[in-house]
Protein backbone atom coordinates (compact mmCIF):
# COMPACT_ATOMS: atom_id res chain seq x y z
CA UNK A 1 0.01 0.14 0.07
CA UNK A 2 1.10 3.18 -0.95
CA UNK A 3 1.71 6.32 1.29
CA UNK A 4 -1.06 8.88 1.34
CA UNK A 5 -0.10 12.07 -0.21
CA UNK A 6 -0.25 15.39 1.84
CA UNK A 7 -2.59 18.03 0.44
CA UNK A 8 -1.11 21.48 0.20
CA UNK A 9 -2.93 24.29 1.72
CA UNK A 10 -2.81 26.22 -1.54
CA UNK A 11 -4.45 23.66 -3.47
CA UNK A 12 -6.89 22.78 -0.92
CA UNK A 13 -10.60 22.63 -1.29
CA UNK A 14 -11.11 26.14 0.75
CA UNK A 15 -11.43 28.84 -1.42
CA UNK A 16 -8.86 31.54 -0.63
CA UNK A 17 -8.70 35.30 -1.41
CA UNK A 18 -7.40 34.80 -4.88
CA UNK A 19 -9.84 31.97 -5.70
CA UNK A 20 -12.72 34.01 -5.07
CA UNK A 21 -11.51 36.95 -7.31
CA UNK A 22 -10.75 34.37 -10.03
CA UNK A 23 -14.22 32.90 -9.88
CA UNK A 24 -15.88 36.37 -9.74
CA UNK A 25 -13.87 37.28 -12.86
CA UNK A 26 -14.91 33.75 -14.52
CA UNK A 27 -18.64 34.83 -13.72
CA UNK A 28 -18.36 38.21 -15.19
CA UNK A 29 -16.94 36.97 -18.31
CA UNK A 30 -19.74 34.21 -18.81
CA UNK A 31 -22.27 36.84 -18.18
CA UNK A 32 -20.82 39.28 -20.62
CA UNK A 33 -20.40 43.08 -20.62
CA UNK A 34 -24.04 43.94 -21.62
CA UNK A 35 -25.72 42.16 -18.64
CA UNK A 36 -26.63 45.30 -16.84
CA UNK A 37 -28.20 48.09 -19.12
CA UNK A 38 -27.77 51.43 -17.86
CA UNK A 39 -30.32 54.28 -18.91
CA UNK A 40 -28.78 57.46 -19.98
CA UNK A 41 -30.00 60.51 -17.96
CA UNK A 42 -31.48 63.10 -19.91
CA UNK A 43 -30.89 66.59 -18.55
CA UNK A 44 -32.52 68.50 -21.54
CA UNK A 45 -36.07 68.58 -22.56
CA UNK A 46 -34.95 69.06 -26.26
CA UNK A 47 -33.37 66.16 -28.27
CA UNK A 48 -30.22 67.13 -30.35
CA UNK A 49 -29.39 64.59 -32.97
CA UNK A 50 -25.73 63.52 -32.43
CA UNK A 51 -23.09 64.38 -34.90
CA UNK A 52 -22.18 61.53 -37.36
CA UNK A 53 -19.21 61.01 -39.61
CA UNK A 54 -19.31 63.32 -42.34
CA UNK A 55 -16.77 61.99 -45.39
CA UNK A 56 -15.28 64.34 -47.68
CA UNK A 57 -16.28 63.84 -51.37
CA UNK A 58 -14.54 61.95 -53.65
CA UNK A 59 -16.08 62.57 -57.14
CA UNK A 60 -15.64 60.22 -59.86
CA UNK A 61 -14.70 63.05 -62.42
CA UNK A 62 -13.95 66.61 -62.01
CA UNK A 63 -16.87 68.88 -62.58
CA UNK A 64 -14.87 71.59 -64.40
CA UNK A 65 -12.53 70.65 -67.11
CA UNK A 66 -9.78 73.28 -66.59
CA UNK A 67 -9.57 75.24 -63.04
CA UNK A 68 -10.52 78.84 -63.26
CA UNK A 69 -7.49 81.35 -63.48
CA UNK A 70 -7.12 83.72 -60.51
CA UNK A 71 -9.91 86.26 -60.84
CA UNK A 72 -7.88 89.21 -59.43
CA UNK A 73 -4.21 88.90 -60.31
CA UNK A 74 -2.00 91.97 -59.75
CA UNK A 75 -2.93 93.54 -63.02
CA UNK A 76 -6.53 93.36 -62.62
CA UNK A 77 -6.37 94.57 -58.96
CA UNK A 78 -4.46 97.82 -59.57
CA UNK A 79 -5.94 99.65 -62.51
CA UNK A 80 -3.84 102.91 -62.78
CA UNK A 81 -2.04 105.47 -60.61
CA UNK A 82 -3.70 108.80 -59.73
CA UNK A 83 -2.04 111.89 -60.56
CA UNK A 84 -4.22 114.77 -59.23
CA UNK A 85 -3.04 117.57 -57.21
CA UNK A 86 -4.00 116.13 -54.00
CA UNK A 87 -2.57 112.87 -54.77
CA UNK A 88 0.88 114.85 -55.86
CA UNK A 89 0.54 116.61 -52.50
CA UNK A 90 0.10 113.09 -50.79
CA UNK A 91 3.26 111.84 -52.62
CA UNK A 92 5.50 114.88 -51.71
CA UNK A 93 4.33 115.31 -48.21
CA UNK A 94 3.15 111.89 -46.86
CA UNK A 95 5.25 109.40 -48.79
CA UNK A 96 2.19 107.98 -50.10
CA UNK A 97 1.21 106.86 -53.60
CA UNK A 98 -2.46 106.94 -54.77
CA UNK A 99 -4.08 104.37 -57.13
CA UNK A 100 -7.34 103.43 -58.68
CA UNK A 101 -8.26 99.89 -57.72
CA UNK A 102 -10.59 97.06 -58.44
CA UNK A 103 -13.85 97.42 -56.38
CA UNK A 104 -13.51 93.80 -55.35
CA UNK A 105 -9.85 93.88 -54.10
CA UNK A 106 -9.04 94.13 -50.28
CA UNK A 107 -6.16 95.93 -48.56
CA UNK A 108 -4.11 92.77 -48.28
CA UNK A 109 -4.57 92.06 -52.03
CA UNK A 110 -3.54 95.58 -53.02
CA UNK A 111 -0.45 95.53 -50.87
CA UNK A 112 0.66 92.30 -52.56
CA UNK A 113 -0.07 93.69 -56.02
CA UNK A 114 1.96 96.64 -55.17
CA UNK A 115 4.99 94.68 -54.01
CA UNK A 116 4.62 92.47 -57.14
CA UNK A 117 4.38 95.17 -59.88
CA UNK A 118 6.57 97.89 -58.27
CA UNK A 119 8.65 96.33 -55.67
CA UNK A 120 7.59 98.67 -52.87
CA UNK A 121 6.77 97.55 -49.25
CA UNK A 122 3.79 99.46 -47.77
CA UNK A 123 3.41 100.53 -44.11
CA UNK A 124 -0.49 100.82 -44.56
CA UNK A 125 -3.10 100.98 -47.16
CA UNK A 126 -6.29 103.06 -46.95
CA UNK A 127 -9.06 102.56 -49.27
CA UNK A 128 -12.38 104.44 -50.29
CA UNK A 129 -15.00 103.95 -52.83
CA UNK A 130 -15.34 107.16 -54.97
CA UNK A 131 -18.78 108.52 -55.69
CA UNK A 132 -18.30 107.22 -59.52
CA UNK A 133 -18.12 103.56 -57.80
CA UNK A 134 -14.35 103.01 -58.25
CA UNK A 135 -12.00 102.22 -55.37
CA UNK A 136 -9.11 104.40 -54.38
CA UNK A 137 -6.21 103.35 -52.49
CA UNK A 138 -3.64 105.51 -50.46
CA UNK A 139 -0.37 103.34 -50.04
CA UNK A 140 2.02 104.70 -47.32
CA UNK A 141 5.62 103.49 -48.22
CA UNK A 142 8.16 102.65 -45.78
CA UNK A 143 10.58 105.37 -44.95
CA UNK A 144 13.54 103.92 -46.71
CA UNK A 145 11.58 104.21 -50.07
CA UNK A 146 10.82 107.67 -51.64
CA UNK A 147 7.32 107.78 -53.19
CA UNK A 148 8.37 110.94 -55.43
CA UNK A 149 11.18 108.59 -56.88
CA UNK A 150 9.01 105.71 -57.54
CA UNK A 151 6.33 108.02 -59.11
CA UNK A 152 8.89 109.35 -61.26
CA UNK A 153 10.78 106.13 -62.43
CA UNK A 154 8.31 103.31 -62.25
CA UNK A 155 4.86 105.16 -62.61
CA UNK A 156 6.18 107.96 -64.74
CA UNK A 157 3.54 110.43 -63.53
CA UNK A 158 5.74 113.29 -62.01
């Protein structure tokens, strides 16, 4: 007759602390995640439809054959320099050039067009719409550039 094996206290029939946790975890996995349904608490009386994924369009063919050329390039923005008496006074005293511009052009576009066409940096651009419906722009130049010299050489209005 063989000797009887001694039972380890770890492998015993009594459920220890680790065994109870393991059995609880096993029960939870058997039950599943959605065993208890929690009702959402609504705090507002109005219902707002949830935002869903909006994918960007990927068309099968382009709707335009050729992309449009820029509607306002530098030559369309600045129509002509102005050489009235008041404009000449601005050139001499305030280091400011005066231009007739496109009505749809904004100050930033006018500033970029002056930089591109005449290679001058502007400190500020002030605009107004004249009673005849055209836009007039006053471009104040930086201190290192002389407006009278630009008007004489590049604009040929003096």
